[in-house]
Amino acid sequence: MFNILYVILIGLGFPIMRFMSVRFETVNNNAVRFLAGGIFFILICCFKYRNELLKIRNKPILILKLLVLSFFMTGNMYFFINGIKETSALAGSIFGVLGMPVAIIMASIFFKDERDRVKQRNFYLGSILTILGSLIFVFYAQRGGGNGNFLIGSLFLGIAIFIQSIQNLIVKHIAKELHPIVISAFIATFSGINYFILAFKTGKISELLEVDKILIIGLILAGIYGLVTGMLMAFQIMQKQGVSVFNVLQLSIPLATSVIGYLTLGEKINFHQGIGAAIILLGCIFALKKHTKV
């Protein structure tokens, strides 16, 4: 049930990011979202996870690891937001799917438990189906929905997914020592600070003064929402079920994104994309059959 809720909420998150990406410059967008979400989670940690904070105080190396992770997050989201800005919400979720093979291969190299997961035949068969369905989705994607350059946006999304595959490995390592909510709080706050520094140095921070205050509030709320769904829930899945299961679960997100994107942003899918969606769903069921319930 938790996995299903995660897929639906993330599916809604892509249209939200797409909506905000065309109304805010990327560094301002990420600065506000990450800092708002990070501060919100730090307050929760101060009241409910004080013991976890003591771990960081007693082991300063953890701060360094979290700082390194925040730089990966900064780069990842810079390319991702620019990519989704030039393409569509659906394209953003599909590129997450296409990054699965790289993430799984890297995870299996460094972690024994991930190697054990990918040895199962159902995992391979399901992955092949999901990749096939994803390719159909991309090939028949309607590219006329955005104002930017689809090819450049796709390149940005590809870079973001590659960075994320490395980022996930670091998360798995740190999650052995810290609760996911603490990890989320610190790397979001650090990433938000990184983006605010970039915004000040480039002079783009002034653009926030010209934006409607309602949109600013919406961006703050979007940051909290994104942190809860895209980081906390994702980290918990990776910690309890592994990077391989997490990446396969990502494959069903385009289904939710396509429906929500159509209802909120008018992004349409055609018959062939519907076939691709069905193949993706079938592949997810196959690949996750022995690992977790969907």
C-alpha atoms as a PDB file:
ATOM      1  CA  MET A   1       0.000   0.000   0.000  1.00  0.00           C
ATOM      2  CA  PHE A   2       2.881   2.361   0.821  1.00  0.00           C
ATOM      3  CA  ASN A   3       4.392   1.736  -2.622  1.00  0.00           C
ATOM      4  CA  ILE A   4       1.092   2.526  -4.375  1.00  0.00           C
ATOM      5  CA  LEU A   5       0.715   5.778  -2.400  1.00  0.00           C
ATOM      6  CA  TYR A   6       4.284   6.727  -3.296  1.00  0.00           C
ATOM      7  CA  VAL A   7       3.633   6.215  -7.022  1.00  0.00           C
ATOM      8  CA  ILE A   8       0.452   8.340  -6.977  1.00  0.00           C
ATOM      9  CA  LEU A   9       2.007  11.190  -4.996  1.00  0.00           C
ATOM     10  CA  ILE A  10       5.136  11.276  -7.139  1.00  0.00           C
ATOM     11  CA  GLY A  11       2.927  11.150 -10.220  1.00  0.00           C
ATOM     12  CA  LEU A  12       1.295  14.373  -9.001  1.00  0.00           C
ATOM     13  CA  GLY A  13       4.688  15.846  -8.157  1.00  0.00           C
ATOM     14  CA  PHE A  14       5.863  15.956 -11.777  1.00  0.00           C
ATOM     15  CA  PRO A  15       3.011  18.220 -12.978  1.00  0.00           C
ATOM     16  CA  ILE A  16       3.644  20.454  -9.949  1.00  0.00           C
ATOM     17  CA  MET A  17       7.347  20.728 -10.845  1.00  0.00           C
ATOM     18  CA  ARG A  18       6.490  21.384 -14.487  1.00  0.00           C
ATOM     19  CA  PHE A  19       4.025  24.120 -13.488  1.00  0.00           C
ATOM     20  CA  MET A  20       6.569  25.840 -11.227  1.00  0.00           C
ATOM     21  CA  SER A  21       9.461  25.397 -13.670  1.00  0.00           C
ATOM     22  CA  VAL A  22       7.848  27.640 -16.281  1.00  0.00           C
ATOM     23  CA  ARG A  23       7.042  30.341 -13.726  1.00  0.00           C
ATOM     24  CA  PHE A  24      10.338  30.535 -11.825  1.00  0.00           C
ATOM     25  CA  GLU A  25      13.949  30.638 -12.938  1.00  0.00           C
ATOM     26  CA  THR A  26      15.607  27.302 -12.075  1.00  0.00           C
ATOM     27  CA  VAL A  27      17.972  28.472  -9.302  1.00  0.00           C
ATOM     28  CA  ASN A  28      15.201  30.500  -7.618  1.00  0.00           C
ATOM     29  CA  ASN A  29      12.785  27.595  -7.988  1.00  0.00           C
ATOM     30  CA  ASN A  30      15.133  25.117  -6.344  1.00  0.00           C
ATOM     31  CA  ALA A  31      16.378  27.580  -3.718  1.00  0.00           C
ATOM     32  CA  VAL A  32      12.894  28.243  -2.349  1.00  0.00           C
ATOM     33  CA  ARG A  33      11.641  24.652  -2.653  1.00  0.00           C
ATOM     34  CA  PHE A  34      14.631  22.987  -1.026  1.00  0.00           C
ATOM     35  CA  LEU A  35      15.110  25.512   1.754  1.00  0.00           C
ATOM     36  CA  ALA A  36      11.393  25.495   2.639  1.00  0.00           C
ATOM     37  CA  GLY A  37      11.273  21.702   2.724  1.00  0.00           C
ATOM     38  CA  GLY A  38      14.597  21.428   4.538  1.00  0.00           C
ATOM     39  CA  ILE A  39      13.679  23.856   7.315  1.00  0.00           C
ATOM     40  CA  PHE A  40      10.301  22.153   7.737  1.00  0.00           C
ATOM     41  CA  PHE A  41      11.989  18.790   8.227  1.00  0.00           C
ATOM     42  CA  ILE A  42      14.701  20.155  10.509  1.00  0.00           C
ATOM     43  CA  LEU A  43      11.968  21.444  12.831  1.00  0.00           C
ATOM     44  CA  ILE A  44      10.427  17.956  12.861  1.00  0.00           C
ATOM     45  CA  CYS A  45      13.845  16.453  13.642  1.00  0.00           C
ATOM     46  CA  CYS A  46      14.354  18.839  16.566  1.00  0.00           C
ATOM     47  CA  PHE A  47      11.139  17.630  18.203  1.00  0.00           C
ATOM     48  CA  LYS A  48      10.996  13.964  17.230  1.00  0.00           C
ATOM     49  CA  TYR A  49      14.467  12.789  16.172  1.00  0.00           C
ATOM     50  CA  ARG A  50      16.836  14.411  18.638  1.00  0.00           C
ATOM     51  CA  ASN A  51      18.772  11.170  19.096  1.00  0.00           C
ATOM     52  CA  GLU A  52      19.522  11.136  15.381  1.00  0.00           C
ATOM     53  CA  LEU A  53      20.842  14.693  15.603  1.00  0.00           C
ATOM     54  CA  LEU A  54      23.131  13.587  18.426  1.00  0.00           C
ATOM     55  CA  LYS A  55      24.639  11.003  16.083  1.00  0.00           C
ATOM     56  CA  ILE A  56      25.686  13.806  13.773  1.00  0.00           C
ATOM     57  CA  ARG A  57      27.162  15.812  16.648  1.00  0.00           C
ATOM     58  CA  ASN A  58      29.125  12.805  17.886  1.00  0.00           C
ATOM     59  CA  LYS A  59      30.271  11.808  14.404  1.00  0.00           C
ATOM     60  CA  PRO A  60      31.103  14.964  12.390  1.00  0.00           C
ATOM     61  CA  ILE A  61      32.060  12.898   9.328  1.00  0.00           C
ATOM     62  CA  LEU A  62      28.334  12.463   8.757  1.00  0.00           C
ATOM     63  CA  ILE A  63      28.022  16.206   8.106  1.00  0.00           C
ATOM     64  CA  LEU A  64      30.662  15.908   5.404  1.00  0.00           C
ATOM     65  CA  LYS A  65      28.820  12.985   3.803  1.00  0.00           C
ATOM     66  CA  LEU A  66      25.540  14.901   3.869  1.00  0.00           C
ATOM     67  CA  LEU A  67      27.252  17.936   2.370  1.00  0.00           C
ATOM     68  CA  VAL A  68      28.665  15.824  -0.466  1.00  0.00           C
ATOM     69  CA  LEU A  69      25.208  14.346  -1.033  1.00  0.00           C
ATOM     70  CA  SER A  70      23.722  17.852  -1.175  1.00  0.00           C
ATOM     71  CA  PHE A  71      26.069  18.785  -4.023  1.00  0.00           C
ATOM     72  CA  PHE A  72      24.882  15.746  -5.957  1.00  0.00           C
ATOM     73  CA  MET A  73      21.300  16.798  -5.246  1.00  0.00           C
ATOM     74  CA  THR A  74      22.062  20.352  -6.362  1.00  0.00           C
ATOM     75  CA  GLY A  75      23.438  19.176  -9.700  1.00  0.00           C
ATOM     76  CA  ASN A  76      20.738  16.563 -10.166  1.00  0.00           C
ATOM     77  CA  MET A  77      17.854  18.988  -9.655  1.00  0.00           C
ATOM     78  CA  TYR A  78      19.460  21.783 -11.681  1.00  0.00           C
ATOM     79  CA  PHE A  79      19.516  19.607 -14.781  1.00  0.00           C
ATOM     80  CA  PHE A  80      16.182  17.975 -13.974  1.00  0.00           C
ATOM     81  CA  ILE A  81      14.217  21.205 -13.556  1.00  0.00           C
ATOM     82  CA  ASN A  82      15.756  22.661 -16.714  1.00  0.00           C
ATOM     83  CA  GLY A  83      14.955  19.424 -18.524  1.00  0.00           C
ATOM     84  CA  ILE A  84      11.330  19.250 -17.441  1.00  0.00           C
ATOM     85  CA  LYS A  85      10.976  22.956 -18.246  1.00  0.00           C
ATOM     86  CA  GLU A  86      11.958  22.282 -21.876  1.00  0.00           C
ATOM     87  CA  THR A  87       9.910  19.070 -22.273  1.00  0.00           C
ATOM     88  CA  SER A  88       6.908  17.992 -20.178  1.00  0.00           C
ATOM     89  CA  ALA A  89       5.897  16.415 -16.877  1.00  0.00           C
ATOM     90  CA  LEU A  90       5.474  13.085 -18.636  1.00  0.00           C
ATOM     91  CA  ALA A  91       8.936  13.277 -20.194  1.00  0.00           C
ATOM     92  CA  GLY A  92      10.436  13.924 -16.762  1.00  0.00           C
ATOM     93  CA  SER A  93       8.880  10.796 -15.283  1.00  0.00           C
ATOM     94  CA  ILE A  94       9.796   8.655 -18.298  1.00  0.00           C
ATOM     95  CA  PHE A  95      13.446   9.672 -18.189  1.00  0.00           C
ATOM     96  CA  GLY A  96      13.465   8.482 -14.587  1.00  0.00           C
ATOM     97  CA  VAL A  97      12.409   5.114 -15.974  1.00  0.00           C
ATOM     98  CA  LEU A  98      15.154   5.054 -18.586  1.00  0.00           C
ATOM     99  CA  GLY A  99      17.776   5.678 -15.906  1.00  0.00           C
ATOM    100  CA  MET A 100      16.907   2.386 -14.194  1.00  0.00           C
ATOM    101  CA  PRO A 101      19.494   0.125 -15.907  1.00  0.00           C
ATOM    102  CA  VAL A 102      22.385   2.417 -14.985  1.00  0.00           C
ATOM    103  CA  ALA A 103      21.247   2.704 -11.364  1.00  0.00           C
ATOM    104  CA  ILE A 104      20.762  -1.046 -10.965  1.00  0.00           C
ATOM    105  CA  ILE A 105      24.107  -1.919 -12.536  1.00  0.00           C
ATOM    106  CA  MET A 106      25.929   0.551 -10.296  1.00  0.00           C
ATOM    107  CA  ALA A 107      24.101  -0.671  -7.196  1.00  0.00           C
ATOM    108  CA  SER A 108      24.880  -4.315  -7.966  1.00  0.00           C
ATOM    109  CA  ILE A 109      28.577  -3.505  -8.306  1.00  0.00           C
ATOM    110  CA  PHE A 110      28.870  -1.964  -4.853  1.00  0.00           C
ATOM    111  CA  PHE A 111      26.236  -3.805  -2.768  1.00  0.00           C
ATOM    112  CA  LYS A 112      25.902  -7.558  -2.331  1.00  0.00           C
ATOM    113  CA  ASP A 113      22.202  -7.433  -1.463  1.00  0.00           C
ATOM    114  CA  GLU A 114      21.529  -5.648  -4.741  1.00  0.00           C
ATOM    115  CA  ARG A 115      23.465  -8.332  -6.640  1.00  0.00           C
ATOM    116  CA  ASP A 116      21.253 -10.964  -5.014  1.00  0.00           C
ATOM    117  CA  ARG A 117      18.119  -9.125  -6.132  1.00  0.00           C
ATOM    118  CA  VAL A 118      19.118  -8.760  -9.778  1.00  0.00           C
ATOM    119  CA  LYS A 119      20.040 -12.459 -10.096  1.00  0.00           C
ATOM    120  CA  GLN A 120      16.373 -13.463 -10.095  1.00  0.00           C
ATOM    121  CA  ARG A 121      14.902 -14.281 -13.499  1.00  0.00           C
ATOM    122  CA  ASN A 122      11.642 -12.446 -12.821  1.00  0.00           C
ATOM    123  CA  PHE A 123      13.619  -9.274 -12.243  1.00  0.00           C
ATOM    124  CA  TYR A 124      15.292  -9.504 -15.644  1.00  0.00           C
ATOM    125  CA  LEU A 125      12.096 -10.373 -17.510  1.00  0.00           C
ATOM    126  CA  GLY A 126      10.193  -7.562 -15.793  1.00  0.00           C
ATOM    127  CA  SER A 127      12.984  -5.066 -16.462  1.00  0.00           C
ATOM    128  CA  ILE A 128      13.070  -5.951 -20.161  1.00  0.00           C
ATOM    129  CA  LEU A 129       9.309  -5.409 -20.410  1.00  0.00           C
ATOM    130  CA  THR A 130       9.462  -2.084 -18.578  1.00  0.00           C
ATOM    131  CA  ILE A 131      12.328  -0.814 -20.723  1.00  0.00           C
ATOM    132  CA  LEU A 132      10.419  -1.830 -23.860  1.00  0.00           C
ATOM    133  CA  GLY A 133       7.292  -0.064 -22.631  1.00  0.00           C
ATOM    134  CA  SER A 134       9.331   3.021 -21.744  1.00  0.00           C
ATOM    135  CA  LEU A 135      10.856   3.179 -25.227  1.00  0.00           C
ATOM    136  CA  ILE A 136       7.375   3.025 -26.746  1.00  0.00           C
ATOM    137  CA  PHE A 137       6.294   5.817 -24.414  1.00  0.00           C
ATOM    138  CA  VAL A 138       9.213   8.026 -25.454  1.00  0.00           C
ATOM    139  CA  PHE A 139       9.004   7.248 -29.180  1.00  0.00           C
ATOM    140  CA  TYR A 140       5.358   8.218 -29.399  1.00  0.00           C
ATOM    141  CA  ALA A 141       5.530  11.096 -26.923  1.00  0.00           C
ATOM    142  CA  GLN A 142       3.861  14.254 -28.125  1.00  0.00           C
ATOM    143  CA  ARG A 143       6.669  16.748 -28.270  1.00  0.00           C
ATOM    144  CA  GLY A 144       4.694  19.816 -29.169  1.00  0.00           C
ATOM    145  CA  GLY A 145       3.480  20.563 -25.649  1.00  0.00           C
ATOM    146  CA  GLY A 146       6.425  22.699 -24.535  1.00  0.00           C
ATOM    147  CA  ASN A 147       7.929  25.969 -25.709  1.00  0.00           C
ATOM    148  CA  GLY A 148      11.546  24.903 -25.398  1.00  0.00           C
ATOM    149  CA  ASN A 149      13.909  22.610 -27.211  1.00  0.00           C
ATOM    150  CA  PHE A 150      12.933  18.982 -26.598  1.00  0.00           C
ATOM    151  CA  LEU A 151      16.337  17.587 -27.558  1.00  0.00           C
ATOM    152  CA  ILE A 152      18.230  19.842 -25.144  1.00  0.00           C
ATOM    153  CA  GLY A 153      15.657  19.175 -22.445  1.00  0.00           C
ATOM    154  CA  SER A 154      16.080  15.432 -22.964  1.00  0.00           C
ATOM    155  CA  LEU A 155      19.848  15.798 -22.616  1.00  0.00           C
ATOM    156  CA  PHE A 156      19.386  17.685 -19.336  1.00  0.00           C
ATOM    157  CA  LEU A 157      17.060  14.970 -18.045  1.00  0.00           C
ATOM    158  CA  GLY A 158      19.565  12.283 -19.012  1.00  0.00           C
ATOM    159  CA  ILE A 159      22.362  14.027 -17.095  1.00  0.00           C
ATOM    160  CA  ALA A 160      20.079  14.419 -14.068  1.00  0.00           C
ATOM    161  CA  ILE A 161      19.231  10.711 -14.055  1.00  0.00           C
ATOM    162  CA  PHE A 162      22.907   9.733 -14.257  1.00  0.00           C
ATOM    163  CA  ILE A 163      23.736  11.957 -11.278  1.00  0.00           C
ATOM    164  CA  GLN A 164      20.782  10.505  -9.400  1.00  0.00           C
ATOM    165  CA  SER A 165      22.040   6.938  -9.886  1.00  0.00           C
ATOM    166  CA  ILE A 166      25.250   7.900  -8.060  1.00  0.00           C
ATOM    167  CA  GLN A 167      23.293   9.854  -5.474  1.00  0.00           C
ATOM    168  CA  ASN A 168      21.163   6.805  -4.642  1.00  0.00           C
ATOM    169  CA  LEU A 169      24.265   4.783  -3.783  1.00  0.00           C
ATOM    170  CA  ILE A 170      25.416   7.433  -1.300  1.00  0.00           C
ATOM    171  CA  VAL A 171      21.933   7.540   0.214  1.00  0.00           C
ATOM    172  CA  LYS A 172      21.953   3.771   0.727  1.00  0.00           C
ATOM    173  CA  HIS A 173      25.305   4.058   2.506  1.00  0.00           C
ATOM    174  CA  ILE A 174      24.294   6.933   4.802  1.00  0.00           C
ATOM    175  CA  ALA A 175      20.863   5.410   5.537  1.00  0.00           C
ATOM    176  CA  LYS A 176      22.631   2.674   7.512  1.00  0.00           C
ATOM    177  CA  GLU A 177      23.510   5.302  10.127  1.00  0.00           C
ATOM    178  CA  LEU A 178      20.801   7.956   9.982  1.00  0.00           C
ATOM    179  CA  HIS A 179      17.016   8.030   9.734  1.00  0.00           C
ATOM    180  CA  PRO A 180      15.755   9.047   6.254  1.00  0.00           C
ATOM    181  CA  ILE A 181      13.989  12.138   7.577  1.00  0.00           C
ATOM    182  CA  VAL A 182      17.271  13.453   9.002  1.00  0.00           C
ATOM    183  CA  ILE A 183      19.046  12.789   5.701  1.00  0.00           C
ATOM    184  CA  SER A 184      16.238  14.558   3.841  1.00  0.00           C
ATOM    185  CA  ALA A 185      16.311  17.550   6.172  1.00  0.00           C
ATOM    186  CA  PHE A 186      20.042  18.189   5.922  1.00  0.00           C
ATOM    187  CA  ILE A 187      20.622  17.620   2.219  1.00  0.00           C
ATOM    188  CA  ALA A 188      17.540  19.690   1.295  1.00  0.00           C
ATOM    189  CA  THR A 189      18.705  22.549   3.511  1.00  0.00           C
ATOM    190  CA  PHE A 190      22.268  22.374   2.209  1.00  0.00           C
ATOM    191  CA  SER A 191      21.004  22.207  -1.378  1.00  0.00           C
ATOM    192  CA  GLY A 192      18.700  25.181  -0.771  1.00  0.00           C
ATOM    193  CA  ILE A 193      21.642  27.190   0.564  1.00  0.00           C
ATOM    194  CA  ASN A 194      23.703  26.188  -2.486  1.00  0.00           C
ATOM    195  CA  TYR A 195      20.959  27.465  -4.778  1.00  0.00           C
ATOM    196  CA  PHE A 196      20.480  30.705  -2.867  1.00  0.00           C
ATOM    197  CA  ILE A 197      24.216  31.369  -3.191  1.00  0.00           C
ATOM    198  CA  LEU A 198      23.946  30.743  -6.936  1.00  0.00           C
ATOM    199  CA  ALA A 199      20.893  33.003  -7.134  1.00  0.00           C
ATOM    200  CA  PHE A 200      22.717  35.844  -5.357  1.00  0.00           C
ATOM    201  CA  LYS A 201      25.884  35.490  -7.414  1.00  0.00           C
ATOM    202  CA  THR A 202      23.985  35.468 -10.711  1.00  0.00           C
ATOM    203  CA  GLY A 203      21.657  38.286  -9.660  1.00  0.00           C
ATOM    204  CA  LYS A 204      18.578  36.169 -10.358  1.00  0.00           C
ATOM    205  CA  ILE A 205      17.387  36.385  -6.778  1.00  0.00           C
ATOM    206  CA  SER A 206      15.805  39.769  -7.614  1.00  0.00           C
ATOM    207  CA  GLU A 207      13.273  38.010  -9.846  1.00  0.00           C
ATOM    208  CA  LEU A 208      11.545  36.645  -6.750  1.00  0.00           C
ATOM    209  CA  LEU A 209      10.495  40.214  -5.837  1.00  0.00           C
ATOM    210  CA  GLU A 210       8.545  40.501  -9.089  1.00  0.00           C
ATOM    211  CA  VAL A 211       6.556  37.267  -8.673  1.00  0.00           C
ATOM    212  CA  ASP A 212       3.027  37.124  -7.244  1.00  0.00           C
ATOM    213  CA  LYS A 213       3.117  36.291  -3.524  1.00  0.00           C
ATOM    214  CA  ILE A 214       0.550  33.526  -4.026  1.00  0.00           C
ATOM    215  CA  LEU A 215       2.977  31.767  -6.374  1.00  0.00           C
ATOM    216  CA  ILE A 216       5.761  32.123  -3.796  1.00  0.00           C
ATOM    217  CA  ILE A 217       3.567  30.477  -1.165  1.00  0.00           C
ATOM    218  CA  GLY A 218       2.696  27.758  -3.663  1.00  0.00           C
ATOM    219  CA  LEU A 219       6.406  27.184  -4.340  1.00  0.00           C
ATOM    220  CA  ILE A 220       7.085  26.888  -0.599  1.00  0.00           C
ATOM    221  CA  LEU A 221       4.304  24.328  -0.214  1.00  0.00           C
ATOM    222  CA  ALA A 222       5.568  22.516  -3.310  1.00  0.00           C
ATOM    223  CA  GLY A 223       8.977  22.272  -1.652  1.00  0.00           C
ATOM    224  CA  ILE A 224       7.523  20.631   1.457  1.00  0.00           C
ATOM    225  CA  TYR A 225       5.374  18.301  -0.646  1.00  0.00           C
ATOM    226  CA  GLY A 226       8.316  17.354  -2.849  1.00  0.00           C
ATOM    227  CA  LEU A 227      10.539  16.626   0.122  1.00  0.00           C
ATOM    228  CA  VAL A 228       7.988  14.349   1.772  1.00  0.00           C
ATOM    229  CA  THR A 229       7.313  12.382  -1.406  1.00  0.00           C
ATOM    230  CA  GLY A 230      10.490  12.595  -3.463  1.00  0.00           C
ATOM    231  CA  MET A 231      13.018  12.268  -0.651  1.00  0.00           C
ATOM    232  CA  LEU A 232      11.589  10.889   2.602  1.00  0.00           C
ATOM    233  CA  MET A 233       9.336   8.246   1.050  1.00  0.00           C
ATOM    234  CA  ALA A 234      11.952   7.377  -1.566  1.00  0.00           C
ATOM    235  CA  PHE A 235      14.697   7.016   1.044  1.00  0.00           C
ATOM    236  CA  GLN A 236      12.510   4.761   3.169  1.00  0.00           C
ATOM    237  CA  ILE A 237      11.867   2.477   0.207  1.00  0.00           C
ATOM    238  CA  MET A 238      15.581   2.336  -0.626  1.00  0.00           C
ATOM    239  CA  GLN A 239      16.486   1.648   3.005  1.00  0.00           C
ATOM    240  CA  LYS A 240      13.933  -1.115   3.556  1.00  0.00           C
ATOM    241  CA  GLN A 241      13.634  -2.672   0.085  1.00  0.00           C
ATOM    242  CA  GLY A 242      16.813  -1.740  -1.758  1.00  0.00           C
ATOM    243  CA  VAL A 243      17.856   0.467  -4.670  1.00  0.00           C
ATOM    244  CA  SER A 244      16.853  -2.164  -7.232  1.00  0.00           C
ATOM    245  CA  VAL A 245      13.244  -2.380  -5.995  1.00  0.00           C
ATOM    246  CA  PHE A 246      13.102   1.418  -5.766  1.00  0.00           C
ATOM    247  CA  ASN A 247      14.177   1.852  -9.375  1.00  0.00           C
ATOM    248  CA  VAL A 248      11.742  -0.764 -10.654  1.00  0.00           C
ATOM    249  CA  LEU A 249       8.945   0.912  -8.682  1.00  0.00           C
ATOM    250  CA  GLN A 250       9.807   4.146 -10.478  1.00  0.00           C
ATOM    251  CA  LEU A 251       8.680   2.477 -13.693  1.00  0.00           C
ATOM    252  CA  SER A 252       5.010   2.754 -12.790  1.00  0.00           C
ATOM    253  CA  ILE A 253       5.203   6.496 -12.060  1.00  0.00           C
ATOM    254  CA  PRO A 254       4.693   7.583 -15.724  1.00  0.00           C
ATOM    255  CA  LEU A 255       1.252   5.991 -15.576  1.00  0.00           C
ATOM    256  CA  ALA A 256       0.199   8.255 -12.714  1.00  0.00           C
ATOM    257  CA  THR A 257       1.969  11.241 -14.266  1.00  0.00           C
ATOM    258  CA  SER A 258       0.242  10.800 -17.627  1.00  0.00           C
ATOM    259  CA  VAL A 259      -3.231  10.818 -16.042  1.00  0.00           C
ATOM    260  CA  ILE A 260      -2.552  13.697 -13.659  1.00  0.00           C
ATOM    261  CA  GLY A 261      -0.643  15.643 -16.327  1.00  0.00           C
ATOM    262  CA  TYR A 262      -3.629  15.344 -18.660  1.00  0.00           C
ATOM    263  CA  LEU A 263      -6.085  16.525 -15.991  1.00  0.00           C
ATOM    264  CA  THR A 264      -3.972  19.434 -14.740  1.00  0.00           C
ATOM    265  CA  LEU A 265      -1.751  20.558 -17.626  1.00  0.00           C
ATOM    266  CA  GLY A 266      -3.590  19.196 -20.644  1.00  0.00           C
ATOM    267  CA  GLU A 267      -0.712  16.880 -21.582  1.00  0.00           C
ATOM    268  CA  LYS A 268      -2.173  14.168 -23.777  1.00  0.00           C
ATOM    269  CA  ILE A 269      -1.129  10.600 -24.501  1.00  0.00           C
ATOM    270  CA  ASN A 270      -1.987   8.666 -27.655  1.00  0.00           C
ATOM    271  CA  PHE A 271      -2.969   5.054 -28.290  1.00  0.00           C
ATOM    272  CA  HIS A 272       0.612   3.866 -28.688  1.00  0.00           C
ATOM    273  CA  GLN A 273       1.632   5.497 -25.405  1.00  0.00           C
ATOM    274  CA  GLY A 274      -1.266   3.663 -23.773  1.00  0.00           C
ATOM    275  CA  ILE A 275       0.204   0.379 -25.013  1.00  0.00           C
ATOM    276  CA  GLY A 276       3.581   1.407 -23.622  1.00  0.00           C
ATOM    277  CA  ALA A 277       1.952   2.200 -20.266  1.00  0.00           C
ATOM    278  CA  ALA A 278       0.350  -1.251 -20.134  1.00  0.00           C
ATOM    279  CA  ILE A 279       3.703  -2.912 -20.870  1.00  0.00           C
ATOM    280  CA  ILE A 280       5.383  -0.842 -18.146  1.00  0.00           C
ATOM    281  CA  LEU A 281       2.751  -1.895 -15.607  1.00  0.00           C
ATOM    282  CA  LEU A 282       3.098  -5.561 -16.592  1.00  0.00           C
ATOM    283  CA  GLY A 283       6.860  -5.333 -16.265  1.00  0.00           C
ATOM    284  CA  CYS A 284       6.600  -3.778 -12.801  1.00  0.00           C
ATOM    285  CA  ILE A 285       4.335  -6.583 -11.614  1.00  0.00           C
ATOM    286  CA  PHE A 286       6.778  -9.169 -12.963  1.00  0.00           C
ATOM    287  CA  ALA A 287       9.884  -7.557 -11.522  1.00  0.00           C
ATOM    288  CA  LEU A 288       8.428  -6.839  -8.072  1.00  0.00           C
ATOM    289  CA  LYS A 289       6.560 -10.135  -7.677  1.00  0.00           C
ATOM    290  CA  LYS A 290       9.052 -11.741  -5.298  1.00  0.00           C
ATOM    291  CA  HIS A 291      10.343  -8.577  -3.652  1.00  0.00           C
ATOM    292  CA  THR A 292       7.432  -6.542  -2.442  1.00  0.00           C
ATOM    293  CA  LYS A 293       3.720  -6.112  -2.809  1.00  0.00           C
ATOM    294  CA  VAL A 294       2.490  -3.336  -5.027  1.00  0.00           C
END
